[in-house]
């Protein structure tokens, strides 16, 4: 039977508190999983870091790739730090499951995928799944209040279908359909987090010192041939090859590759950000922290913290169709006024803090914005349930009056 008193009470809460059913600070229970899911994987990463021969199938250094997707480490490190050392006030760790609004699963899915033998990784995934789904909190909510860091498209892939109700922390929504099955991810429940930048932050002093050195109009350094939506990269290479004041280079590994990318971005006005294997690219966040204005070449792209950050203040958006038109892109970029460029570069300096993971996590840093977005997501999902209950009420009233 419909509980009218409970409905009226919830209605008062909803109208009086825009963040209901959550209140700041968000109370998060961090599962204390067995070490094989957490500390053992971290030690494996650190102890094998110097094995530069360990590459992915496309030649990328695997440890650098893991670092780019290490949002699981940064969020966990902040949550488990002593409260006296933490700076974020919008999320607190609680010691009892019944006190929690949300449950964080600290399993390093990307490290295990890249550093464990394939079958061993699959076994570990199944063991982690069983461990989590055996928890009382999981059984109570069927995982809807659980957060999984699944930031690499291959992470946790063999068991993801069993946690599709949970909140996933992703690099993007993959509009290509190559990485996630239909119904697995959605903006209603999941969140997009920025990659961890692979270059050093160019602060105010750095930006000022490099102002006169930015003589390159458009720069890109990375893998020139990618799969799926990333195929546009080869088309752009063909279109821009040999153009004046344009640098398009195949990326190289190791410290030399990082130094070359950093130097190029700091000497460029615009940085090309085409799709990779997924619609997003790690190059975007490298460009932002380098003070280089990103040029998005992607037709369907969801960005981190949309709704909080206005990317039009720091980036140029170009459709794939326009970008590959012969003779279109460079005149378009040259037509952007120096006044607009200076303003966007000032905005980049402000925005860069939103993409720099750190310990301790900083207010308005990516860790902080994650929890703001989580709150909005949970609030949105509550509204969907609430509206459904309202419809149910109006459907039952005629029956009750009979």
Protein backbone atom coordinates (compact mmCIF):
# COMPACT_ATOMS: atom_id res chain seq x y z
CA UNK A 1 0.00 0.00 0.00
CA UNK A 2 1.22 3.50 -0.79
CA UNK A 3 2.61 5.28 2.31
CA UNK A 4 1.09 8.78 2.15
CA UNK A 5 2.87 10.04 5.28
CA UNK A 6 6.25 9.00 3.96
CA UNK A 7 5.43 10.58 0.60
CA UNK A 8 4.47 13.90 2.26
CA UNK A 9 7.64 13.89 4.39
CA UNK A 10 9.86 13.22 1.37
CA UNK A 11 8.07 15.98 -0.54
CA UNK A 12 8.98 18.46 2.23
CA UNK A 13 12.62 17.32 2.07
CA UNK A 14 12.76 17.58 -1.71
CA UNK A 15 11.34 21.09 -1.78
CA UNK A 16 13.55 22.25 1.08
CA UNK A 17 16.89 20.66 0.15
CA UNK A 18 18.19 20.70 -3.45
CA UNK A 19 20.67 17.91 -2.68
CA UNK A 20 18.18 15.51 -1.08
CA UNK A 21 18.59 12.53 -0.61
CA UNK A 22 22.25 13.44 0.06
CA UNK A 23 23.57 16.14 2.31
CA UNK A 24 27.08 17.56 2.21
CA UNK A 25 29.35 16.13 3.29
CA UNK A 26 28.72 12.93 1.35
CA UNK A 27 29.36 9.94 3.59
CA UNK A 28 31.38 7.27 1.81
CA UNK A 29 32.23 3.82 3.07
CA UNK A 30 35.50 2.58 1.56
CA UNK A 31 35.60 -1.18 1.39
CA UNK A 32 38.64 -2.72 3.06
CA UNK A 33 39.25 -5.31 0.38
CA UNK A 34 41.91 -8.02 0.67
CA UNK A 35 45.39 -6.81 -0.28
CA UNK A 36 45.42 -8.75 -3.55
CA UNK A 37 42.91 -6.23 -4.91
CA UNK A 38 44.68 -3.12 -3.60
CA UNK A 39 48.15 -2.90 -2.03
CA UNK A 40 49.58 -5.95 -3.81
CA UNK A 41 48.68 -4.40 -7.19
CA UNK A 42 50.22 -1.07 -6.22
CA UNK A 43 53.45 -2.82 -5.24
CA UNK A 44 53.41 -4.70 -8.54
CA UNK A 45 53.11 -1.40 -10.40
CA UNK A 46 55.90 0.32 -8.48
CA UNK A 47 58.27 -2.65 -8.57
CA UNK A 48 57.98 -3.09 -12.34
CA UNK A 49 57.96 0.59 -13.31
CA UNK A 50 61.46 0.56 -14.82
CA UNK A 51 60.68 -2.30 -17.18
CA UNK A 52 60.53 -0.07 -20.23
CA UNK A 53 60.21 -3.07 -22.55
CA UNK A 54 56.72 -3.67 -21.16
CA UNK A 55 54.55 -2.19 -23.94
CA UNK A 56 50.93 -2.45 -25.02
CA UNK A 57 49.99 -3.96 -28.39
CA UNK A 58 50.20 -0.54 -30.07
CA UNK A 59 53.61 0.27 -28.59
CA UNK A 60 52.54 2.54 -25.73
CA UNK A 61 54.56 2.25 -22.49
CA UNK A 62 52.17 0.36 -20.23
CA UNK A 63 53.10 2.11 -16.97
CA UNK A 64 52.53 5.56 -18.46
CA UNK A 65 49.18 4.33 -19.74
CA UNK A 66 48.25 3.10 -16.27
CA UNK A 67 49.25 6.47 -14.81
CA UNK A 68 46.98 8.29 -17.26
CA UNK A 69 44.08 6.19 -15.94
CA UNK A 70 45.12 6.23 -12.26
CA UNK A 71 42.03 8.07 -11.01
CA UNK A 72 41.41 5.00 -8.81
CA UNK A 73 44.64 5.69 -6.91
CA UNK A 74 44.02 9.42 -6.39
CA UNK A 75 40.43 9.07 -5.16
CA UNK A 76 41.34 6.20 -2.85
CA UNK A 77 44.41 8.00 -1.47
CA UNK A 78 42.27 10.99 -0.53
CA UNK A 79 39.50 8.93 1.05
CA UNK A 80 41.80 6.85 3.27
CA UNK A 81 44.03 9.74 4.37
CA UNK A 82 43.75 10.86 8.02
CA UNK A 83 40.92 13.38 8.31
CA UNK A 84 43.33 15.92 9.84
CA UNK A 85 45.36 15.89 6.60
CA UNK A 86 42.44 16.16 4.17
CA UNK A 87 41.37 19.45 2.61
CA UNK A 88 38.11 18.35 0.98
CA UNK A 89 35.07 18.97 3.15
CA UNK A 90 32.30 17.75 0.82
CA UNK A 91 33.07 14.06 1.35
CA UNK A 92 33.98 12.12 4.49
CA UNK A 93 34.84 8.49 5.06
CA UNK A 94 32.63 6.62 7.51
CA UNK A 95 33.53 3.45 9.42
CA UNK A 96 30.14 1.77 9.42
CA UNK A 97 28.22 0.66 6.34
CA UNK A 98 24.86 1.74 7.78
CA UNK A 99 26.15 5.34 8.02
CA UNK A 100 27.11 5.56 4.34
CA UNK A 101 25.40 7.30 1.44
CA UNK A 102 27.73 5.62 -1.04
CA UNK A 103 30.23 2.74 -1.18
CA UNK A 104 33.61 3.01 -2.90
CA UNK A 105 35.21 -0.13 -4.35
CA UNK A 106 39.03 0.39 -4.28
CA UNK A 107 39.98 -2.27 -6.81
CA UNK A 108 42.82 -1.34 -9.21
CA UNK A 109 41.20 -2.69 -12.36
CA UNK A 110 43.63 -1.05 -14.82
CA UNK A 111 46.83 -2.22 -13.10
CA UNK A 112 45.52 -5.78 -12.96
CA UNK A 113 44.52 -5.74 -16.62
CA UNK A 114 47.90 -4.58 -17.92
CA UNK A 115 50.33 -6.19 -15.48
CA UNK A 116 48.80 -9.58 -14.78
CA UNK A 117 48.77 -12.57 -17.09
CA UNK A 118 45.44 -12.70 -18.94
CA UNK A 119 43.91 -15.68 -17.20
CA UNK A 120 45.15 -14.53 -13.78
CA UNK A 121 43.50 -11.17 -14.41
CA UNK A 122 40.17 -12.80 -15.28
CA UNK A 123 40.31 -14.90 -12.11
CA UNK A 124 41.05 -11.79 -10.01
CA UNK A 125 38.14 -9.95 -11.62
CA UNK A 126 35.77 -12.79 -10.72
CA UNK A 127 37.12 -12.92 -7.16
CA UNK A 128 36.67 -9.16 -6.75
CA UNK A 129 33.15 -9.37 -8.11
CA UNK A 130 32.21 -12.13 -5.67
CA UNK A 131 33.79 -10.30 -2.74
CA UNK A 132 31.82 -7.11 -3.44
CA UNK A 133 28.50 -8.75 -4.29
CA UNK A 134 28.66 -10.79 -1.07
CA UNK A 135 28.60 -7.58 0.99
CA UNK A 136 25.32 -6.76 2.82
CA UNK A 137 25.22 -3.24 1.38
CA UNK A 138 25.42 -4.59 -2.16
CA UNK A 139 22.59 -7.03 -1.59
CA UNK A 140 20.43 -4.29 -0.12
CA UNK A 141 20.76 -1.90 -3.10
CA UNK A 142 21.83 -4.30 -5.86
CA UNK A 143 24.88 -2.08 -6.25
CA UNK A 144 23.12 1.18 -7.14
CA UNK A 145 24.98 3.10 -4.44
CA UNK A 146 28.39 1.53 -5.25
CA UNK A 147 31.15 3.33 -7.12
CA UNK A 148 33.56 1.46 -9.40
CA UNK A 149 36.63 3.17 -10.94
CA UNK A 150 36.66 1.65 -14.44
CA UNK A 151 38.66 4.33 -16.20
CA UNK A 152 40.33 2.29 -18.92
CA UNK A 153 37.92 0.92 -21.57
CA UNK A 154 39.34 -2.61 -21.11
CA UNK A 155 39.20 -2.57 -17.31
CA UNK A 156 36.92 -5.09 -15.60
CA UNK A 157 35.54 -5.97 -19.03
CA UNK A 158 34.83 -9.67 -18.42
CA UNK A 159 32.53 -9.03 -15.43
CA UNK A 160 31.18 -5.52 -16.05
CA UNK A 161 27.71 -6.78 -16.94
CA UNK A 162 27.23 -7.88 -13.34
CA UNK A 163 27.77 -4.37 -11.95
CA UNK A 164 25.80 -2.40 -14.54
CA UNK A 165 23.58 -0.84 -11.84
CA UNK A 166 26.56 0.77 -10.12
CA UNK A 167 28.13 4.17 -10.67
CA UNK A 168 31.08 3.84 -13.06
CA UNK A 169 33.93 6.34 -13.27
CA UNK A 170 34.87 6.45 -16.96
CA UNK A 171 37.13 8.28 -19.44
CA UNK A 172 34.11 8.94 -21.69
CA UNK A 173 30.79 7.45 -22.77
CA UNK A 174 32.21 5.82 -25.92
CA UNK A 175 29.71 6.91 -28.56
CA UNK A 176 31.45 4.52 -30.99
CA UNK A 177 29.98 1.51 -29.17
CA UNK A 178 33.28 -0.37 -29.32
CA UNK A 179 34.02 -0.61 -25.60
CA UNK A 180 30.73 -0.77 -23.70
CA UNK A 181 27.67 -2.85 -24.50
CA UNK A 182 24.27 -1.13 -24.90
CA UNK A 183 22.77 -0.27 -21.54
CA UNK A 184 26.02 -0.61 -19.58
CA UNK A 185 26.87 3.10 -19.34
CA UNK A 186 24.76 6.23 -19.26
CA UNK A 187 25.02 9.86 -18.22
CA UNK A 188 22.17 9.28 -15.78
CA UNK A 189 24.30 7.13 -13.47
CA UNK A 190 27.95 7.25 -14.59
CA UNK A 191 30.59 9.97 -14.47
CA UNK A 192 33.36 11.02 -16.84
CA UNK A 193 36.68 11.80 -15.18
CA UNK A 194 39.69 13.49 -16.77
CA UNK A 195 42.82 11.54 -17.58
CA UNK A 196 45.81 12.23 -15.34
CA UNK A 197 48.02 14.67 -17.31
CA UNK A 198 51.28 13.24 -18.63
CA UNK A 199 53.09 16.60 -18.68
CA UNK A 200 53.98 19.10 -15.97
CA UNK A 201 51.72 22.01 -15.11
CA UNK A 202 52.60 25.27 -16.84
CA UNK A 203 51.79 27.77 -14.09
CA UNK A 204 51.37 31.56 -14.35
CA UNK A 205 55.13 32.16 -14.49
CA UNK A 206 55.56 29.46 -17.12
CA UNK A 207 52.71 30.82 -19.25
CA UNK A 208 54.20 34.32 -19.11
CA UNK A 209 57.70 33.10 -20.01
CA UNK A 210 56.41 31.07 -22.96
CA UNK A 211 54.12 33.76 -24.38
CA UNK A 212 56.62 34.98 -26.96
CA UNK A 213 57.79 31.43 -27.75
CA UNK A 214 54.39 30.25 -29.01
CA UNK A 215 55.23 30.40 -32.70
CA UNK A 216 53.56 27.12 -33.72
CA UNK A 217 49.96 27.59 -34.85
CA UNK A 218 48.80 23.99 -34.40
CA UNK A 219 50.50 21.09 -32.63
CA UNK A 220 49.86 17.38 -32.18
CA UNK A 221 52.13 14.64 -30.94
CA UNK A 222 50.76 11.14 -30.40
CA UNK A 223 49.67 7.99 -32.15
CA UNK A 224 48.76 8.94 -35.72
CA UNK A 225 46.83 5.75 -36.45
CA UNK A 226 44.05 4.66 -34.12
CA UNK A 227 40.99 2.44 -34.25
CA UNK A 228 37.28 3.25 -34.55
CA UNK A 229 36.58 6.99 -34.19
CA UNK A 230 40.32 7.65 -34.04
CA UNK A 231 40.66 6.94 -37.77
CA UNK A 232 40.13 10.65 -38.35
CA UNK A 233 43.71 11.17 -37.18
CA UNK A 234 45.12 9.74 -40.41
CA UNK A 235 42.79 11.98 -42.43
CA UNK A 236 43.99 15.03 -40.52
CA UNK A 237 47.62 14.03 -41.08
CA UNK A 238 46.99 13.89 -44.83
CA UNK A 239 45.24 17.26 -44.80
CA UNK A 240 47.80 19.09 -42.63
CA UNK A 241 51.05 17.48 -43.80
CA UNK A 242 53.67 20.06 -44.74
CA UNK A 243 51.55 23.07 -43.74
CA UNK A 244 53.39 26.12 -42.44
CA UNK A 245 53.49 26.60 -38.65
CA UNK A 246 51.93 23.17 -38.08
CA UNK A 247 53.65 20.30 -36.24
CA UNK A 248 52.10 16.82 -36.46
CA UNK A 249 54.37 14.11 -35.02
CA UNK A 250 54.21 10.44 -34.15
CA UNK A 251 54.59 10.09 -30.40
CA UNK A 252 57.55 8.33 -28.83
CA UNK A 253 57.85 6.57 -25.49
CA UNK A 254 59.78 7.32 -22.33
CA UNK A 255 61.01 10.54 -20.79
CA UNK A 256 62.17 11.89 -24.16
CA UNK A 257 58.68 11.51 -25.59
CA UNK A 258 57.15 13.32 -22.61
CA UNK A 259 59.71 16.15 -22.86
CA UNK A 260 59.08 16.55 -26.60
CA UNK A 261 55.31 16.71 -26.10
CA UNK A 262 55.62 19.21 -23.25
CA UNK A 263 58.01 21.43 -25.19
CA UNK A 264 55.79 21.36 -28.29
CA UNK A 265 52.62 22.25 -26.40
CA UNK A 266 54.27 25.13 -24.57
CA UNK A 267 55.44 26.58 -27.90
CA UNK A 268 52.05 26.29 -29.61
CA UNK A 269 48.91 28.41 -29.74
CA UNK A 270 46.51 25.57 -30.52
CA UNK A 271 46.74 21.86 -29.73
CA UNK A 272 44.85 19.36 -31.82
CA UNK A 273 42.62 17.03 -29.80
CA UNK A 274 41.15 14.44 -32.17
CA UNK A 275 39.40 11.27 -31.05
CA UNK A 276 41.57 8.31 -30.08
CA UNK A 277 40.32 4.73 -29.74
CA UNK A 278 37.52 6.38 -27.78
CA UNK A 279 35.99 9.84 -28.49
CA UNK A 280 38.19 11.47 -25.85
CA UNK A 281 41.96 11.70 -25.77
CA UNK A 282 44.56 12.14 -23.05
CA UNK A 283 46.09 14.89 -25.23
CA UNK A 284 43.25 17.20 -24.21
CA UNK A 285 44.30 17.39 -20.57
CA UNK A 286 47.99 17.67 -21.45
CA UNK A 287 47.09 20.67 -23.60
CA UNK A 288 45.01 22.34 -20.89
CA UNK A 289 47.75 22.18 -18.24
CA UNK A 290 50.29 23.39 -20.87
CA UNK A 291 48.37 26.56 -21.68
CA UNK A 292 47.73 25.38 -25.25
CA UNK A 293 44.17 25.98 -26.52
CA UNK A 294 42.58 22.59 -27.36
CA UNK A 295 40.92 22.14 -30.74
CA UNK A 296 38.32 19.39 -30.41
CA UNK A 297 37.82 17.27 -33.51
CA UNK A 298 35.03 14.95 -32.45
CA UNK A 299 31.34 14.90 -33.29
CA UNK A 300 30.04 13.13 -30.20
CA UNK A 301 31.98 13.94 -27.07
CA UNK A 302 31.05 14.12 -23.41
CA UNK A 303 33.60 15.95 -21.27
CA UNK A 304 34.45 15.71 -17.57
CA UNK A 305 32.46 17.91 -15.20
CA UNK A 306 30.09 19.27 -17.85
CA UNK A 307 27.47 21.27 -16.00
CA UNK A 308 30.17 22.70 -13.73
CA UNK A 309 32.80 23.77 -16.30
CA UNK A 310 32.13 25.74 -19.48
CA UNK A 311 34.63 24.39 -22.03
CA UNK A 312 33.75 27.10 -24.55
CA UNK A 313 35.93 29.43 -22.48
CA UNK A 314 39.08 27.37 -23.06
CA UNK A 315 38.62 25.33 -26.25
CA UNK A 316 37.64 25.43 -29.92
CA UNK A 317 35.06 22.90 -31.17
CA UNK A 318 35.21 21.73 -34.78
CA UNK A 319 33.13 19.04 -36.46
CA UNK A 320 34.92 16.14 -38.11
CA UNK A 321 33.36 17.06 -41.45
CA UNK A 322 34.72 20.62 -41.35
CA UNK A 323 38.13 19.57 -40.03
CA UNK A 324 38.96 17.33 -43.00
CA UNK A 325 37.68 19.71 -45.66
CA UNK A 326 40.66 20.69 -47.83
CA UNK A 327 41.96 24.11 -46.83
CA UNK A 328 39.36 24.77 -44.12
CA UNK A 329 40.90 24.22 -40.66
CA UNK A 330 44.01 26.42 -40.75
CA UNK A 331 42.30 29.56 -42.13
CA UNK A 332 39.61 29.09 -39.48
CA UNK A 333 42.20 29.02 -36.68
CA UNK A 334 44.12 31.96 -38.14
CA UNK A 335 40.88 33.95 -38.11
CA UNK A 336 40.56 33.76 -34.32
CA UNK A 337 41.54 37.14 -32.89
CA UNK A 338 44.56 37.66 -30.67
CA UNK A 339 42.23 39.13 -28.03
CA UNK A 340 40.21 35.92 -27.88
CA UNK A 341 43.38 33.84 -27.76
CA UNK A 342 44.76 35.81 -24.82
CA UNK A 343 41.45 35.51 -22.96
CA UNK A 344 41.27 31.76 -23.55
CA UNK A 345 44.84 31.32 -22.35
CA UNK A 346 44.01 33.21 -19.15
CA UNK A 347 41.03 30.92 -18.70
CA UNK A 348 43.25 27.88 -19.24
CA UNK A 349 45.41 29.02 -16.36
CA UNK A 350 42.32 29.11 -14.14
CA UNK A 351 40.86 25.85 -15.43
CA UNK A 352 44.06 23.83 -15.11
CA UNK A 353 43.54 23.27 -11.38
CA UNK A 354 40.37 21.31 -12.18
CA UNK A 355 42.49 18.65 -13.92
CA UNK A 356 45.50 18.28 -11.61
CA UNK A 357 45.20 15.29 -9.28
CA UNK A 358 47.18 15.73 -6.07
CA UNK A 359 47.79 14.59 -2.53
CA UNK A 360 46.28 16.04 -0.52
CA UNK A 361 43.38 16.58 -2.92
CA UNK A 362 42.70 20.27 -3.45
CA UNK A 363 39.39 22.16 -3.33
CA UNK A 364 38.10 22.55 -6.91
CA UNK A 365 40.59 19.90 -8.05
CA UNK A 366 39.30 16.87 -9.98
CA UNK A 367 38.75 14.80 -6.83
CA UNK A 368 36.56 17.59 -5.40
CA UNK A 369 34.53 17.97 -8.61
CA UNK A 370 33.99 14.21 -8.79
CA UNK A 371 32.03 14.25 -5.54
CA UNK A 372 30.02 17.28 -6.60
CA UNK A 373 29.07 15.42 -9.78
CA UNK A 374 28.32 12.23 -7.83
CA UNK A 375 25.93 14.18 -5.63
CA UNK A 376 24.15 15.62 -8.67
CA UNK A 377 23.94 12.19 -10.29
CA UNK A 378 22.46 10.52 -7.21
CA UNK A 379 20.08 13.45 -6.79
CA UNK A 380 18.95 13.09 -10.43
CA UNK A 381 18.35 9.36 -10.00
CA UNK A 382 16.35 10.02 -6.85
CA UNK A 383 14.14 12.43 -8.78
CA UNK A 384 13.44 9.75 -11.38
CA UNK A 385 12.33 7.37 -8.63
CA UNK A 386 10.37 10.14 -6.92
CA UNK A 387 8.52 11.13 -10.09
CA UNK A 388 7.68 7.47 -10.70
CA UNK A 389 6.18 7.27 -7.23
CA UNK A 390 4.08 10.37 -7.94
CA UNK A 391 2.66 8.74 -11.08
CA UNK A 392 1.99 5.59 -9.03
CA UNK A 393 0.12 7.69 -6.48
CA UNK A 394 -2.15 9.26 -9.08
CA UNK A 395 -2.78 5.86 -10.64
CA UNK A 396 -3.84 4.37 -7.30
CA UNK A 397 -6.07 7.23 -6.13
CA UNK A 398 -9.03 6.37 -8.44
CA UNK A 399 -8.82 2.74 -7.31
CA UNK A 400 -8.82 3.75 -3.63
CA UNK A 401 -11.87 5.97 -4.14
CA UNK A 402 -13.93 3.13 -5.60
